[in-house]
Amino acid sequence: MTGEYWAELENNHHYIIVDEEHDRTYYCPAEEASHTLSHILNDKNKTIRRLHGELRQLKQGSRPVYEISRYLEDRTCHVAFVDSEELAQEFCDKHKDCRYGQISMTRYMNALEFNRANIPTCENCKHCTVNQWCYLTNEPVATDEYCDDWEYDE
């Protein structure tokens, strides 16, 4: 029993997944499925804890942060925030009209989420629906492709 989730046989006929953190149990009819789901949940929790730690380091300013942006059509668009200058340089070497620069986390902390949503793709365009349909062109669209008629969906 390692981690916050584990599988346990209950009443000698079915398995449950025990959530130690929230003191709950979940019914799971098969032994293999219960063990697999327990491992997946534990792995996800480890990833979340690691990401929280990285975010805490970024907020404390212990590592530099670089913003990558590209000039697409008629506007400069945010691409990503990264903590590796080598990764930013590699990305800009592969894409034209790309630039990157170190940013101050205290200056940009409130703008991080806005810039993440401020990318001209169909996924966050106000003309596109959840079922991947564009109201302007009346055609199906791929949500991760560049949108020519992009307007930010608030």
C-alpha atoms as a PDB file:
ATOM      1  CA  MET A   1       0.000   0.000   0.000  1.00  0.00           C
ATOM      2  CA  THR A   2       1.930   2.988  -1.251  1.00  0.00           C
ATOM      3  CA  GLY A   3       0.423   6.288  -2.280  1.00  0.00           C
ATOM      4  CA  GLU A   4      -2.899   7.845  -1.520  1.00  0.00           C
ATOM      5  CA  TYR A   5      -5.006   5.302  -3.446  1.00  0.00           C
ATOM      6  CA  TRP A   6      -5.000   1.515  -3.254  1.00  0.00           C
ATOM      7  CA  ALA A   7      -7.212  -1.417  -4.219  1.00  0.00           C
ATOM      8  CA  GLU A   8      -8.805  -3.623  -1.592  1.00  0.00           C
ATOM      9  CA  LEU A   9     -11.027  -6.713  -1.697  1.00  0.00           C
ATOM     10  CA  GLU A  10     -14.376  -6.082   0.008  1.00  0.00           C
ATOM     11  CA  ASN A  11     -16.794  -8.805   1.150  1.00  0.00           C
ATOM     12  CA  ASN A  12     -14.805 -11.426  -0.825  1.00  0.00           C
ATOM     13  CA  HIS A  13     -16.595 -10.629  -4.086  1.00  0.00           C
ATOM     14  CA  HIS A  14     -15.710  -7.164  -5.404  1.00  0.00           C
ATOM     15  CA  TYR A  15     -12.906  -4.603  -5.195  1.00  0.00           C
ATOM     16  CA  ILE A  16     -12.911  -1.020  -4.028  1.00  0.00           C
ATOM     17  CA  ILE A  17     -10.455   1.800  -4.528  1.00  0.00           C
ATOM     18  CA  VAL A  18      -9.631   3.439  -1.206  1.00  0.00           C
ATOM     19  CA  ASP A  19      -8.950   7.183  -1.261  1.00  0.00           C
ATOM     20  CA  GLU A  20      -6.875   7.775   1.861  1.00  0.00           C
ATOM     21  CA  GLU A  21      -6.687  11.550   1.342  1.00  0.00           C
ATOM     22  CA  HIS A  22     -10.463  12.153   1.267  1.00  0.00           C
ATOM     23  CA  ASP A  23     -11.498   9.102   3.312  1.00  0.00           C
ATOM     24  CA  ARG A  24     -13.729   7.665   0.556  1.00  0.00           C
ATOM     25  CA  THR A  25     -14.074   4.388  -1.331  1.00  0.00           C
ATOM     26  CA  TYR A  26     -15.106   3.689  -4.919  1.00  0.00           C
ATOM     27  CA  TYR A  27     -16.612   0.438  -6.201  1.00  0.00           C
ATOM     28  CA  CYS A  28     -14.609  -1.340  -8.882  1.00  0.00           C
ATOM     29  CA  PRO A  29     -15.798  -4.791 -10.057  1.00  0.00           C
ATOM     30  CA  ALA A  30     -12.458  -6.197 -11.308  1.00  0.00           C
ATOM     31  CA  GLU A  31      -9.191  -6.665  -9.439  1.00  0.00           C
ATOM     32  CA  GLU A  32      -6.963  -5.712 -12.367  1.00  0.00           C
ATOM     33  CA  ALA A  33      -8.986  -2.564 -13.084  1.00  0.00           C
ATOM     34  CA  SER A  34      -8.867  -1.480  -9.440  1.00  0.00           C
ATOM     35  CA  HIS A  35      -5.071  -1.853  -9.278  1.00  0.00           C
ATOM     36  CA  THR A  36      -4.609  -0.069 -12.618  1.00  0.00           C
ATOM     37  CA  LEU A  37      -6.839   2.839 -11.604  1.00  0.00           C
ATOM     38  CA  SER A  38      -5.074   3.160  -8.244  1.00  0.00           C
ATOM     39  CA  HIS A  39      -1.692   3.433  -9.979  1.00  0.00           C
ATOM     40  CA  ILE A  40      -3.030   5.998 -12.472  1.00  0.00           C
ATOM     41  CA  LEU A  41      -4.487   8.144  -9.677  1.00  0.00           C
ATOM     42  CA  ASN A  42      -1.264   7.979  -7.672  1.00  0.00           C
ATOM     43  CA  ASP A  43       0.787   8.952 -10.745  1.00  0.00           C
ATOM     44  CA  LYS A  44      -1.516  11.915 -11.410  1.00  0.00           C
ATOM     45  CA  ASN A  45      -1.154  13.068  -7.793  1.00  0.00           C
ATOM     46  CA  LYS A  46       2.654  12.891  -8.073  1.00  0.00           C
ATOM     47  CA  THR A  47       2.521  14.981 -11.246  1.00  0.00           C
ATOM     48  CA  ILE A  48       0.247  17.557  -9.595  1.00  0.00           C
ATOM     49  CA  ARG A  49       2.562  17.823  -6.574  1.00  0.00           C
ATOM     50  CA  ARG A  50       5.586  18.236  -8.866  1.00  0.00           C
ATOM     51  CA  LEU A  51       3.842  20.978 -10.886  1.00  0.00           C
ATOM     52  CA  HIS A  52       2.797  22.790  -7.696  1.00  0.00           C
ATOM     53  CA  GLY A  53       6.428  22.725  -6.570  1.00  0.00           C
ATOM     54  CA  GLU A  54       7.623  24.107  -9.908  1.00  0.00           C
ATOM     55  CA  LEU A  55       5.004  26.865  -9.784  1.00  0.00           C
ATOM     56  CA  ARG A  56       6.069  27.755  -6.239  1.00  0.00           C
ATOM     57  CA  GLN A  57       9.694  28.049  -7.444  1.00  0.00           C
ATOM     58  CA  LEU A  58       8.613  30.284 -10.325  1.00  0.00           C
ATOM     59  CA  LYS A  59       6.620  32.532  -7.981  1.00  0.00           C
ATOM     60  CA  GLN A  60       9.611  32.841  -5.665  1.00  0.00           C
ATOM     61  CA  GLY A  61      11.739  33.866  -8.630  1.00  0.00           C
ATOM     62  CA  SER A  62      14.345  31.179  -8.116  1.00  0.00           C
ATOM     63  CA  ARG A  63      14.362  30.334 -11.848  1.00  0.00           C
ATOM     64  CA  PRO A  64      14.168  32.715 -14.816  1.00  0.00           C
ATOM     65  CA  VAL A  65      11.055  32.566 -17.022  1.00  0.00           C
ATOM     66  CA  TYR A  66      11.044  33.246 -20.757  1.00  0.00           C
ATOM     67  CA  GLU A  67       8.052  34.244 -22.853  1.00  0.00           C
ATOM     68  CA  ILE A  68       7.936  33.022 -26.454  1.00  0.00           C
ATOM     69  CA  SER A  69       5.847  35.019 -28.914  1.00  0.00           C
ATOM     70  CA  ARG A  70       5.306  34.997 -32.676  1.00  0.00           C
ATOM     71  CA  TYR A  71       4.044  37.522 -35.171  1.00  0.00           C
ATOM     72  CA  LEU A  72       1.091  35.849 -36.920  1.00  0.00           C
ATOM     73  CA  GLU A  73      -0.820  37.719 -39.606  1.00  0.00           C
ATOM     74  CA  ASP A  74      -1.412  41.176 -38.115  1.00  0.00           C
ATOM     75  CA  ARG A  75      -0.684  40.614 -34.405  1.00  0.00           C
ATOM     76  CA  THR A  76       1.933  39.408 -31.992  1.00  0.00           C
ATOM     77  CA  CYS A  77       0.690  36.293 -30.208  1.00  0.00           C
ATOM     78  CA  HIS A  78       1.860  34.670 -27.010  1.00  0.00           C
ATOM     79  CA  VAL A  79       3.034  31.085 -27.531  1.00  0.00           C
ATOM     80  CA  ALA A  80       4.339  29.860 -24.180  1.00  0.00           C
ATOM     81  CA  PHE A  81       6.101  30.570 -20.913  1.00  0.00           C
ATOM     82  CA  VAL A  82       9.137  28.322 -20.406  1.00  0.00           C
ATOM     83  CA  ASP A  83      11.894  28.152 -17.806  1.00  0.00           C
ATOM     84  CA  SER A  84      14.611  27.013 -20.198  1.00  0.00           C
ATOM     85  CA  GLU A  85      16.370  29.465 -22.494  1.00  0.00           C
ATOM     86  CA  GLU A  86      17.625  26.548 -24.611  1.00  0.00           C
ATOM     87  CA  LEU A  87      14.037  25.384 -25.230  1.00  0.00           C
ATOM     88  CA  ALA A  88      12.954  28.911 -26.179  1.00  0.00           C
ATOM     89  CA  GLN A  89      15.926  29.287 -28.533  1.00  0.00           C
ATOM     90  CA  GLU A  90      15.259  25.885 -30.132  1.00  0.00           C
ATOM     91  CA  PHE A  91      11.585  26.762 -30.714  1.00  0.00           C
ATOM     92  CA  CYS A  92      12.455  30.141 -32.257  1.00  0.00           C
ATOM     93  CA  ASP A  93      15.080  28.536 -34.497  1.00  0.00           C
ATOM     94  CA  LYS A  94      12.377  26.265 -35.954  1.00  0.00           C
ATOM     95  CA  HIS A  95       9.719  28.964 -36.478  1.00  0.00           C
ATOM     96  CA  LYS A  96      10.000  32.222 -38.368  1.00  0.00           C
ATOM     97  CA  ASP A  97       8.717  35.494 -36.898  1.00  0.00           C
ATOM     98  CA  CYS A  98       9.487  34.170 -33.405  1.00  0.00           C
ATOM     99  CA  ARG A  99      11.115  35.910 -30.480  1.00  0.00           C
ATOM    100  CA  TYR A 100      11.636  35.237 -26.801  1.00  0.00           C
ATOM    101  CA  GLY A 101      12.761  37.167 -23.779  1.00  0.00           C
ATOM    102  CA  GLN A 102      13.099  36.843 -20.032  1.00  0.00           C
ATOM    103  CA  ILE A 103      10.163  38.220 -18.051  1.00  0.00           C
ATOM    104  CA  SER A 104       9.631  39.283 -14.480  1.00  0.00           C
ATOM    105  CA  MET A 105       7.185  36.953 -12.718  1.00  0.00           C
ATOM    106  CA  THR A 106       5.973  39.736 -10.434  1.00  0.00           C
ATOM    107  CA  ARG A 107       5.026  41.779 -13.482  1.00  0.00           C
ATOM    108  CA  TYR A 108       3.279  38.974 -15.359  1.00  0.00           C
ATOM    109  CA  MET A 109       1.688  36.820 -12.654  1.00  0.00           C
ATOM    110  CA  ASN A 110      -1.839  38.122 -13.355  1.00  0.00           C
ATOM    111  CA  ALA A 111      -1.372  37.988 -17.115  1.00  0.00           C
ATOM    112  CA  LEU A 112      -0.319  34.337 -17.343  1.00  0.00           C
ATOM    113  CA  GLU A 113      -3.793  32.864 -17.690  1.00  0.00           C
ATOM    114  CA  PHE A 114      -5.016  35.600 -20.046  1.00  0.00           C
ATOM    115  CA  ASN A 115      -2.076  35.090 -22.394  1.00  0.00           C
ATOM    116  CA  ARG A 116      -2.645  31.352 -22.369  1.00  0.00           C
ATOM    117  CA  ALA A 117      -6.174  31.904 -23.665  1.00  0.00           C
ATOM    118  CA  ASN A 118      -5.121  34.699 -26.024  1.00  0.00           C
ATOM    119  CA  ILE A 119      -3.854  32.396 -28.803  1.00  0.00           C
ATOM    120  CA  PRO A 120      -5.687  32.682 -32.152  1.00  0.00           C
ATOM    121  CA  THR A 121      -6.943  29.116 -32.450  1.00  0.00           C
ATOM    122  CA  CYS A 122     -10.485  27.895 -33.037  1.00  0.00           C
ATOM    123  CA  GLU A 123     -10.515  26.430 -29.523  1.00  0.00           C
ATOM    124  CA  ASN A 124     -10.801  29.856 -27.876  1.00  0.00           C
ATOM    125  CA  CYS A 125     -12.501  31.800 -30.675  1.00  0.00           C
ATOM    126  CA  LYS A 126     -15.910  33.240 -29.905  1.00  0.00           C
ATOM    127  CA  HIS A 127     -17.202  32.154 -33.328  1.00  0.00           C
ATOM    128  CA  CYS A 128     -16.538  28.441 -32.744  1.00  0.00           C
ATOM    129  CA  THR A 129     -18.680  26.088 -30.697  1.00  0.00           C
ATOM    130  CA  VAL A 130     -17.756  23.224 -28.415  1.00  0.00           C
ATOM    131  CA  ASN A 131     -18.751  20.688 -31.068  1.00  0.00           C
ATOM    132  CA  GLN A 132     -16.065  22.134 -33.403  1.00  0.00           C
ATOM    133  CA  TRP A 133     -18.312  24.204 -35.654  1.00  0.00           C
ATOM    134  CA  CYS A 134     -17.574  27.766 -36.847  1.00  0.00           C
ATOM    135  CA  TYR A 135     -20.537  30.146 -37.016  1.00  0.00           C
ATOM    136  CA  LEU A 136     -18.812  32.455 -39.521  1.00  0.00           C
ATOM    137  CA  THR A 137     -17.837  29.870 -42.130  1.00  0.00           C
ATOM    138  CA  ASN A 138     -20.569  27.327 -41.304  1.00  0.00           C
ATOM    139  CA  GLU A 139     -18.003  24.555 -41.518  1.00  0.00           C
ATOM    140  CA  PRO A 140     -16.443  22.100 -39.077  1.00  0.00           C
ATOM    141  CA  VAL A 141     -13.049  23.181 -37.720  1.00  0.00           C
ATOM    142  CA  ALA A 142     -10.122  21.644 -35.856  1.00  0.00           C
ATOM    143  CA  THR A 143      -9.850  23.349 -32.464  1.00  0.00           C
ATOM    144  CA  ASP A 144      -6.043  23.492 -32.424  1.00  0.00           C
ATOM    145  CA  GLU A 145      -5.593  25.133 -35.841  1.00  0.00           C
ATOM    146  CA  TYR A 146      -4.962  28.821 -36.544  1.00  0.00           C
ATOM    147  CA  CYS A 147      -8.224  30.798 -36.891  1.00  0.00           C
ATOM    148  CA  ASP A 148      -8.293  33.545 -39.554  1.00  0.00           C
ATOM    149  CA  ASP A 149     -11.360  35.242 -38.006  1.00  0.00           C
ATOM    150  CA  TRP A 150     -10.245  34.842 -34.380  1.00  0.00           C
ATOM    151  CA  GLU A 151     -11.841  36.960 -31.682  1.00  0.00           C
ATOM    152  CA  TYR A 152     -11.254  36.242 -28.000  1.00  0.00           C
ATOM    153  CA  ASP A 153     -14.092  34.326 -26.322  1.00  0.00           C
ATOM    154  CA  GLU A 154     -14.615  35.803 -22.860  1.00  0.00           C
END
